[in-house]
Amino acid sequence: METVNVIMGALFLAVVIALVTQILLKPIKMIWKLLLNSGIGLLLLLIFNYFGAYFSFGIPVNIITVLIAGFLGIPGLILLVCFKLILG
């Protein structure tokens, strides 16, 4: 009977550890994804500004534009270009 209690305690501990690990890793995964998307957005903006310099056209590189380009990708970059053309 005592071995059953030990086994059930070990299983309960394993479940608790798995739950706590999932709870702690989810924000880390979200932060990692945010950083990765922001890096991609920054790269897209820098490439666009490099080629846009030949046409005297550029998009300012700041945290808002990097996040928009990072989250939305190419459509986000097109959105930024449209904003730049509309707003001057």
PDB file of N, CA and C in Angstrom:
ATOM      1  N   MET A   1       0.817  -1.191   0.000  1.00  0.00           N
ATOM      2  CA  MET A   1       0.000   0.000   0.000  1.00  0.00           C
ATOM      3  C   MET A   1       0.864   1.259   0.000  1.00  0.00           C
ATOM      4  N   GLU A   2       2.010   1.191   0.674  1.00  0.00           N
ATOM      5  CA  GLU A   2       2.870   2.361   0.746  1.00  0.00           C
ATOM      6  C   GLU A   2       3.505   2.671  -0.607  1.00  0.00           C
ATOM      7  N   THR A   3       3.793   1.657  -1.403  1.00  0.00           N
ATOM      8  CA  THR A   3       4.381   1.903  -2.725  1.00  0.00           C
ATOM      9  C   THR A   3       3.374   2.588  -3.652  1.00  0.00           C
ATOM     10  N   VAL A   4       2.093   2.265  -3.479  1.00  0.00           N
ATOM     11  CA  VAL A   4       1.064   2.925  -4.282  1.00  0.00           C
ATOM     12  C   VAL A   4       1.029   4.418  -3.955  1.00  0.00           C
ATOM     13  N   ASN A   5       1.151   4.757  -2.671  1.00  0.00           N
ATOM     14  CA  ASN A   5       1.167   6.163  -2.280  1.00  0.00           C
ATOM     15  C   ASN A   5       2.385   6.890  -2.853  1.00  0.00           C
ATOM     16  N   VAL A   6       3.521   6.236  -2.854  1.00  0.00           N
ATOM     17  CA  VAL A   6       4.743   6.837  -3.394  1.00  0.00           C
ATOM     18  C   VAL A   6       4.586   7.058  -4.900  1.00  0.00           C
ATOM     19  N   ILE A   7       4.042   6.082  -5.576  1.00  0.00           N
ATOM     20  CA  ILE A   7       3.854   6.200  -7.028  1.00  0.00           C
ATOM     21  C   ILE A   7       2.853   7.309  -7.341  1.00  0.00           C
ATOM     22  N   MET A   8       1.744   7.373  -6.601  1.00  0.00           N
ATOM     23  CA  MET A   8       0.753   8.430  -6.832  1.00  0.00           C
ATOM     24  C   MET A   8       1.332   9.800  -6.506  1.00  0.00           C
ATOM     25  N   GLY A   9       2.150   9.896  -5.461  1.00  0.00           N
ATOM     26  CA  GLY A   9       2.810  11.158  -5.124  1.00  0.00           C
ATOM     27  C   GLY A   9       3.777  11.585  -6.215  1.00  0.00           C
ATOM     28  N   ALA A  10       4.518  10.637  -6.766  1.00  0.00           N
ATOM     29  CA  ALA A  10       5.462  10.941  -7.842  1.00  0.00           C
ATOM     30  C   ALA A  10       4.721  11.394  -9.102  1.00  0.00           C
ATOM     31  N   LEU A  11       3.605  10.755  -9.416  1.00  0.00           N
ATOM     32  CA  LEU A  11       2.818  11.163 -10.582  1.00  0.00           C
ATOM     33  C   LEU A  11       2.225  12.553 -10.381  1.00  0.00           C
ATOM     34  N   PHE A  12       1.729  12.821  -9.167  1.00  0.00           N
ATOM     35  CA  PHE A  12       1.183  14.140  -8.864  1.00  0.00           C
ATOM     36  C   PHE A  12       2.271  15.205  -8.985  1.00  0.00           C
ATOM     37  N   LEU A  13       3.466  14.902  -8.482  1.00  0.00           N
ATOM     38  CA  LEU A  13       4.587  15.836  -8.572  1.00  0.00           C
ATOM     39  C   LEU A  13       4.977  16.070 -10.027  1.00  0.00           C
ATOM     40  N   ALA A  14       4.962  15.031 -10.843  1.00  0.00           N
ATOM     41  CA  ALA A  14       5.293  15.169 -12.262  1.00  0.00           C
ATOM     42  C   ALA A  14       4.275  16.057 -12.973  1.00  0.00           C
ATOM     43  N   VAL A  15       3.004  15.896 -12.659  1.00  0.00           N
ATOM     44  CA  VAL A  15       1.958  16.717 -13.258  1.00  0.00           C
ATOM     45  C   VAL A  15       2.109  18.175 -12.839  1.00  0.00           C
ATOM     46  N   VAL A  16       2.392  18.411 -11.567  1.00  0.00           N
ATOM     47  CA  VAL A  16       2.570  19.781 -11.066  1.00  0.00           C
ATOM     48  C   VAL A  16       3.779  20.424 -11.730  1.00  0.00           C
ATOM     49  N   ILE A  17       4.870  19.693 -11.845  1.00  0.00           N
ATOM     50  CA  ILE A  17       6.069  20.224 -12.502  1.00  0.00           C
ATOM     51  C   ILE A  17       5.785  20.528 -13.968  1.00  0.00           C
ATOM     52  N   ALA A  18       5.054  19.666 -14.650  1.00  0.00           N
ATOM     53  CA  ALA A  18       4.718  19.901 -16.056  1.00  0.00           C
ATOM     54  C   ALA A  18       3.851  21.154 -16.203  1.00  0.00           C
ATOM     55  N   LEU A  19       2.876  21.336 -15.321  1.00  0.00           N
ATOM     56  CA  LEU A  19       2.015  22.515 -15.381  1.00  0.00           C
ATOM     57  C   LEU A  19       2.799  23.797 -15.119  1.00  0.00           C
ATOM     58  N   VAL A  20       3.638  23.782 -14.097  1.00  0.00           N
ATOM     59  CA  VAL A  20       4.429  24.968 -13.768  1.00  0.00           C
ATOM     60  C   VAL A  20       5.396  25.292 -14.908  1.00  0.00           C
ATOM     61  N   THR A  21       5.973  24.278 -15.516  1.00  0.00           N
ATOM     62  CA  THR A  21       6.875  24.494 -16.642  1.00  0.00           C
ATOM     63  C   THR A  21       6.138  25.134 -17.812  1.00  0.00           C
ATOM     64  N   GLN A  22       4.948  24.652 -18.110  1.00  0.00           N
ATOM     65  CA  GLN A  22       4.161  25.231 -19.195  1.00  0.00           C
ATOM     66  C   GLN A  22       3.789  26.675 -18.898  1.00  0.00           C
ATOM     67  N   ILE A  23       3.429  26.953 -17.665  1.00  0.00           N
ATOM     68  CA  ILE A  23       3.037  28.312 -17.280  1.00  0.00           C
ATOM     69  C   ILE A  23       4.222  29.256 -17.388  1.00  0.00           C
ATOM     70  N   LEU A  24       5.406  28.802 -17.022  1.00  0.00           N
ATOM     71  CA  LEU A  24       6.585  29.658 -17.069  1.00  0.00           C
ATOM     72  C   LEU A  24       7.172  29.788 -18.471  1.00  0.00           C
ATOM     73  N   LEU A  25       7.035  28.772 -19.302  1.00  0.00           N
ATOM     74  CA  LEU A  25       7.637  28.811 -20.631  1.00  0.00           C
ATOM     75  C   LEU A  25       6.802  29.582 -21.654  1.00  0.00           C
ATOM     76  N   LYS A  26       5.502  29.675 -21.446  1.00  0.00           N
ATOM     77  CA  LYS A  26       4.643  30.360 -22.413  1.00  0.00           C
ATOM     78  C   LYS A  26       5.039  31.829 -22.585  1.00  0.00           C
ATOM     79  N   PRO A  27       5.249  32.606 -21.516  1.00  0.00           N
ATOM     80  CA  PRO A  27       5.675  33.995 -21.720  1.00  0.00           C
ATOM     81  C   PRO A  27       7.052  34.095 -22.376  1.00  0.00           C
ATOM     82  N   ILE A  28       7.942  33.158 -22.056  1.00  0.00           N
ATOM     83  CA  ILE A  28       9.271  33.184 -22.669  1.00  0.00           C
ATOM     84  C   ILE A  28       9.161  32.925 -24.162  1.00  0.00           C
ATOM     85  N   LYS A  29       8.301  31.997 -24.563  1.00  0.00           N
ATOM     86  CA  LYS A  29       8.094  31.732 -25.984  1.00  0.00           C
ATOM     87  C   LYS A  29       7.496  32.944 -26.684  1.00  0.00           C
ATOM     88  N   MET A  30       6.573  33.634 -26.025  1.00  0.00           N
ATOM     89  CA  MET A  30       5.955  34.814 -26.627  1.00  0.00           C
ATOM     90  C   MET A  30       6.986  35.942 -26.784  1.00  0.00           C
ATOM     91  N   ILE A  31       7.837  36.128 -25.791  1.00  0.00           N
ATOM     92  CA  ILE A  31       8.870  37.157 -25.876  1.00  0.00           C
ATOM     93  C   ILE A  31       9.869  36.812 -26.971  1.00  0.00           C
ATOM     94  N   TRP A  32      10.238  35.539 -27.080  1.00  0.00           N
ATOM     95  CA  TRP A  32      11.160  35.107 -28.115  1.00  0.00           C
ATOM     96  C   TRP A  32      10.560  35.360 -29.503  1.00  0.00           C
ATOM     97  N   LYS A  33       9.280  35.042 -29.671  1.00  0.00           N
ATOM     98  CA  LYS A  33       8.614  35.250 -30.953  1.00  0.00           C
ATOM     99  C   LYS A  33       8.540  36.746 -31.279  1.00  0.00           C
ATOM    100  N   LEU A  34       8.271  37.580 -30.282  1.00  0.00           N
ATOM    101  CA  LEU A  34       8.240  39.023 -30.482  1.00  0.00           C
ATOM    102  C   LEU A  34       9.603  39.536 -30.921  1.00  0.00           C
ATOM    103  N   LEU A  35      10.669  39.067 -30.281  1.00  0.00           N
ATOM    104  CA  LEU A  35      12.019  39.499 -30.658  1.00  0.00           C
ATOM    105  C   LEU A  35      12.383  39.027 -32.059  1.00  0.00           C
ATOM    106  N   LEU A  36      12.012  37.808 -32.397  1.00  0.00           N
ATOM    107  CA  LEU A  36      12.312  37.280 -33.725  1.00  0.00           C
ATOM    108  C   LEU A  36      11.562  38.060 -34.804  1.00  0.00           C
ATOM    109  N   ASN A  37      10.280  38.311 -34.582  1.00  0.00           N
ATOM    110  CA  ASN A  37       9.501  39.082 -35.557  1.00  0.00           C
ATOM    111  C   ASN A  37      10.008  40.512 -35.673  1.00  0.00           C
ATOM    112  N   SER A  38      10.429  41.101 -34.574  1.00  0.00           N
ATOM    113  CA  SER A  38      10.971  42.454 -34.617  1.00  0.00           C
ATOM    114  C   SER A  38      12.270  42.487 -35.404  1.00  0.00           C
ATOM    115  N   GLY A  39      13.094  41.472 -35.236  1.00  0.00           N
ATOM    116  CA  GLY A  39      14.337  41.385 -36.011  1.00  0.00           C
ATOM    117  C   GLY A  39      14.071  41.260 -37.497  1.00  0.00           C
ATOM    118  N   ILE A  40      13.081  40.466 -37.848  1.00  0.00           N
ATOM    119  CA  ILE A  40      12.711  40.324 -39.256  1.00  0.00           C
ATOM    120  C   ILE A  40      12.157  41.640 -39.795  1.00  0.00           C
ATOM    121  N   GLY A  41      11.347  42.323 -39.001  1.00  0.00           N
ATOM    122  CA  GLY A  41      10.815  43.627 -39.406  1.00  0.00           C
ATOM    123  C   GLY A  41      11.915  44.646 -39.605  1.00  0.00           C
ATOM    124  N   LEU A  42      12.899  44.646 -38.716  1.00  0.00           N
ATOM    125  CA  LEU A  42      14.032  45.557 -38.853  1.00  0.00           C
ATOM    126  C   LEU A  42      14.803  45.259 -40.125  1.00  0.00           C
ATOM    127  N   LEU A  43      15.019  43.996 -40.396  1.00  0.00           N
ATOM    128  CA  LEU A  43      15.727  43.605 -41.618  1.00  0.00           C
ATOM    129  C   LEU A  43      14.954  44.038 -42.863  1.00  0.00           C
ATOM    130  N   LEU A  44      13.635  43.841 -42.862  1.00  0.00           N
ATOM    131  CA  LEU A  44      12.814  44.276 -43.988  1.00  0.00           C
ATOM    132  C   LEU A  44      12.898  45.789 -44.195  1.00  0.00           C
ATOM    133  N   LEU A  45      12.839  46.539 -43.109  1.00  0.00           N
ATOM    134  CA  LEU A  45      12.914  47.994 -43.211  1.00  0.00           C
ATOM    135  C   LEU A  45      14.273  48.448 -43.724  1.00  0.00           C
ATOM    136  N   LEU A  46      15.333  47.830 -43.251  1.00  0.00           N
ATOM    137  CA  LEU A  46      16.665  48.217 -43.707  1.00  0.00           C
ATOM    138  C   LEU A  46      16.868  47.907 -45.183  1.00  0.00           C
ATOM    139  N   ILE A  47      16.396  46.752 -45.618  1.00  0.00           N
ATOM    140  CA  ILE A  47      16.494  46.408 -47.041  1.00  0.00           C
ATOM    141  C   ILE A  47      15.668  47.366 -47.878  1.00  0.00           C
ATOM    142  N   PHE A  48      14.455  47.663 -47.417  1.00  0.00           N
ATOM    143  CA  PHE A  48      13.599  48.600 -48.155  1.00  0.00           C
ATOM    144  C   PHE A  48      14.232  49.986 -48.225  1.00  0.00           C
ATOM    145  N   ASN A  49      14.792  50.456 -47.112  1.00  0.00           N
ATOM    146  CA  ASN A  49      15.410  51.777 -47.101  1.00  0.00           C
ATOM    147  C   ASN A  49      16.664  51.818 -47.970  1.00  0.00           C
ATOM    148  N   TYR A  50      17.376  50.696 -48.054  1.00  0.00           N
ATOM    149  CA  TYR A  50      18.561  50.640 -48.915  1.00  0.00           C
ATOM    150  C   TYR A  50      18.163  50.833 -50.375  1.00  0.00           C
ATOM    151  N   PHE A  51      17.143  50.096 -50.823  1.00  0.00           N
ATOM    152  CA  PHE A  51      16.701  50.226 -52.209  1.00  0.00           C
ATOM    153  C   PHE A  51      15.877  51.487 -52.430  1.00  0.00           C
ATOM    154  N   GLY A  52      15.185  51.945 -51.397  1.00  0.00           N
ATOM    155  CA  GLY A  52      14.402  53.173 -51.502  1.00  0.00           C
ATOM    156  C   GLY A  52      15.261  54.415 -51.593  1.00  0.00           C
ATOM    157  N   ALA A  53      16.516  54.330 -51.150  1.00  0.00           N
ATOM    158  CA  ALA A  53      17.419  55.482 -51.212  1.00  0.00           C
ATOM    159  C   ALA A  53      17.693  55.885 -52.661  1.00  0.00           C
ATOM    160  N   TYR A  54      17.624  54.964 -53.595  1.00  0.00           N
ATOM    161  CA  TYR A  54      17.837  55.282 -55.009  1.00  0.00           C
ATOM    162  C   TYR A  54      16.695  56.129 -55.564  1.00  0.00           C
ATOM    163  N   PHE A  55      15.545  56.077 -54.914  1.00  0.00           N
ATOM    164  CA  PHE A  55      14.375  56.848 -55.347  1.00  0.00           C
ATOM    165  C   PHE A  55      14.042  57.979 -54.373  1.00  0.00           C
ATOM    166  N   SER A  56      14.968  58.279 -53.474  1.00  0.00           N
ATOM    167  CA  SER A  56      14.777  59.296 -52.428  1.00  0.00           C
ATOM    168  C   SER A  56      13.517  59.014 -51.601  1.00  0.00           C
ATOM    169  N   PHE A  57      13.342  57.766 -51.244  1.00  0.00           N
ATOM    170  CA  PHE A  57      12.188  57.353 -50.460  1.00  0.00           C
ATOM    171  C   PHE A  57      12.671  56.474 -49.319  1.00  0.00           C
ATOM    172  N   GLY A  58      12.208  56.762 -48.127  1.00  0.00           N
ATOM    173  CA  GLY A  58      12.607  55.951 -46.980  1.00  0.00           C
ATOM    174  C   GLY A  58      11.559  55.978 -45.898  1.00  0.00           C
ATOM    175  N   ILE A  59      11.575  54.946 -45.098  1.00  0.00           N
ATOM    176  CA  ILE A  59      10.663  54.840 -43.965  1.00  0.00           C
ATOM    177  C   ILE A  59      11.520  54.933 -42.704  1.00  0.00           C
ATOM    178  N   PRO A  60      11.144  55.804 -41.771  1.00  0.00           N
ATOM    179  CA  PRO A  60      11.947  55.900 -40.541  1.00  0.00           C
ATOM    180  C   PRO A  60      11.958  54.576 -39.773  1.00  0.00           C
ATOM    181  N   VAL A  61      13.120  54.254 -39.237  1.00  0.00           N
ATOM    182  CA  VAL A  61      13.258  53.023 -38.478  1.00  0.00           C
ATOM    183  C   VAL A  61      13.116  53.378 -36.997  1.00  0.00           C
ATOM    184  N   ASN A  62      11.973  53.030 -36.420  1.00  0.00           N
ATOM    185  CA  ASN A  62      11.739  53.194 -34.989  1.00  0.00           C
ATOM    186  C   ASN A  62      10.966  51.976 -34.493  1.00  0.00           C
ATOM    187  N   ILE A  63      10.684  51.930 -33.226  1.00  0.00           N
ATOM    188  CA  ILE A  63      10.087  50.732 -32.630  1.00  0.00           C
ATOM    189  C   ILE A  63       8.705  50.429 -33.217  1.00  0.00           C
ATOM    190  N   ILE A  64       7.932  51.467 -33.525  1.00  0.00           N
ATOM    191  CA  ILE A  64       6.582  51.252 -34.070  1.00  0.00           C
ATOM    192  C   ILE A  64       6.661  50.655 -35.475  1.00  0.00           C
ATOM    193  N   THR A  65       7.493  51.230 -36.330  1.00  0.00           N
ATOM    194  CA  THR A  65       7.586  50.718 -37.698  1.00  0.00           C
ATOM    195  C   THR A  65       8.192  49.319 -37.726  1.00  0.00           C
ATOM    196  N   VAL A  66       9.152  49.054 -36.847  1.00  0.00           N
ATOM    197  CA  VAL A  66       9.757  47.722 -36.786  1.00  0.00           C
ATOM    198  C   VAL A  66       8.729  46.691 -36.338  1.00  0.00           C
ATOM    199  N   LEU A  67       7.918  47.035 -35.333  1.00  0.00           N
ATOM    200  CA  LEU A  67       6.902  46.084 -34.865  1.00  0.00           C
ATOM    201  C   LEU A  67       5.815  45.861 -35.912  1.00  0.00           C
ATOM    202  N   ILE A  68       5.416  46.925 -36.625  1.00  0.00           N
ATOM    203  CA  ILE A  68       4.405  46.753 -37.676  1.00  0.00           C
ATOM    204  C   ILE A  68       4.947  45.852 -38.776  1.00  0.00           C
ATOM    205  N   ALA A  69       6.170  46.114 -39.219  1.00  0.00           N
ATOM    206  CA  ALA A  69       6.760  45.277 -40.264  1.00  0.00           C
ATOM    207  C   ALA A  69       7.026  43.862 -39.750  1.00  0.00           C
ATOM    208  N   GLY A  70       7.347  43.729 -38.476  1.00  0.00           N
ATOM    209  CA  GLY A  70       7.617  42.405 -37.924  1.00  0.00           C
ATOM    210  C   GLY A  70       6.371  41.567 -37.765  1.00  0.00           C
ATOM    211  N   PHE A  71       5.300  42.169 -37.252  1.00  0.00           N
ATOM    212  CA  PHE A  71       4.060  41.417 -37.049  1.00  0.00           C
ATOM    213  C   PHE A  71       3.353  41.102 -38.354  1.00  0.00           C
ATOM    214  N   LEU A  72       3.326  42.061 -39.264  1.00  0.00           N
ATOM    215  CA  LEU A  72       2.545  41.886 -40.487  1.00  0.00           C
ATOM    216  C   LEU A  72       3.371  41.428 -41.682  1.00  0.00           C
ATOM    217  N   GLY A  73       4.686  41.515 -41.596  1.00  0.00           N
ATOM    218  CA  GLY A  73       5.546  41.069 -42.687  1.00  0.00           C
ATOM    219  C   GLY A  73       5.476  42.006 -43.881  1.00  0.00           C
ATOM    220  N   ILE A  74       5.429  41.432 -45.077  1.00  0.00           N
ATOM    221  CA  ILE A  74       5.379  42.218 -46.319  1.00  0.00           C
ATOM    222  C   ILE A  74       4.131  43.100 -46.370  1.00  0.00           C
ATOM    223  N   PRO A  75       2.938  42.617 -46.010  1.00  0.00           N
ATOM    224  CA  PRO A  75       1.782  43.524 -45.990  1.00  0.00           C
ATOM    225  C   PRO A  75       1.968  44.697 -45.031  1.00  0.00           C
ATOM    226  N   GLY A  76       2.663  44.485 -43.933  1.00  0.00           N
ATOM    227  CA  GLY A  76       2.948  45.571 -43.008  1.00  0.00           C
ATOM    228  C   GLY A  76       3.874  46.601 -43.622  1.00  0.00           C
ATOM    229  N   LEU A  77       4.848  46.135 -44.390  1.00  0.00           N
ATOM    230  CA  LEU A  77       5.749  47.048 -45.087  1.00  0.00           C
ATOM    231  C   LEU A  77       4.995  47.845 -46.143  1.00  0.00           C
ATOM    232  N   ILE A  78       4.089  47.200 -46.847  1.00  0.00           N
ATOM    233  CA  ILE A  78       3.261  47.904 -47.833  1.00  0.00           C
ATOM    234  C   ILE A  78       2.368  48.921 -47.127  1.00  0.00           C
ATOM    235  N   LEU A  79       1.846  48.570 -45.969  1.00  0.00           N
ATOM    236  CA  LEU A  79       1.043  49.506 -45.181  1.00  0.00           C
ATOM    237  C   LEU A  79       1.860  50.727 -44.779  1.00  0.00           C
ATOM    238  N   LEU A  80       3.095  50.525 -44.353  1.00  0.00           N
ATOM    239  CA  LEU A  80       3.956  51.638 -43.989  1.00  0.00           C
ATOM    240  C   LEU A  80       4.270  52.525 -45.188  1.00  0.00           C
ATOM    241  N   VAL A  81       4.462  51.910 -46.348  1.00  0.00           N
ATOM    242  CA  VAL A  81       4.715  52.689 -47.561  1.00  0.00           C
ATOM    243  C   VAL A  81       3.479  53.528 -47.901  1.00  0.00           C
ATOM    244  N   CYS A  82       2.291  52.935 -47.783  1.00  0.00           N
ATOM    245  CA  CYS A  82       1.066  53.678 -48.057  1.00  0.00           C
ATOM    246  C   CYS A  82       0.897  54.848 -47.081  1.00  0.00           C
ATOM    247  N   PHE A  83       1.179  54.607 -45.812  1.00  0.00           N
ATOM    248  CA  PHE A  83       1.104  55.700 -44.825  1.00  0.00           C
ATOM    249  C   PHE A  83       2.074  56.807 -45.183  1.00  0.00           C
ATOM    250  N   LYS A  84       3.262  56.424 -45.584  1.00  0.00           N
ATOM    251  CA  LYS A  84       4.286  57.421 -45.937  1.00  0.00           C
ATOM    252  C   LYS A  84       3.835  58.227 -47.156  1.00  0.00           C
ATOM    253  N   LEU A  85       3.245  57.555 -48.145  1.00  0.00           N
ATOM    254  CA  LEU A  85       2.781  58.275 -49.336  1.00  0.00           C
ATOM    255  C   LEU A  85       1.588  59.172 -49.046  1.00  0.00           C
ATOM    256  N   ILE A  86       0.690  58.711 -48.197  1.00  0.00           N
ATOM    257  CA  ILE A  86      -0.512  59.489 -47.886  1.00  0.00           C
ATOM    258  C   ILE A  86      -0.166  60.678 -46.992  1.00  0.00           C
ATOM    259  N   LEU A  87       0.627  60.439 -45.958  1.00  0.00           N
ATOM    260  CA  LEU A  87       0.926  61.483 -44.991  1.00  0.00           C
ATOM    261  C   LEU A  87       2.073  62.397 -45.409  1.00  0.00           C
ATOM    262  N   GLY A  88       2.804  61.978 -46.403  1.00  0.00           N
ATOM    263  CA  GLY A  88       3.869  62.831 -46.921  1.00  0.00           C
ATOM    264  C   GLY A  88       5.114  62.534 -46.274  1.00  0.00           C
TER     265      GLY A  88
END
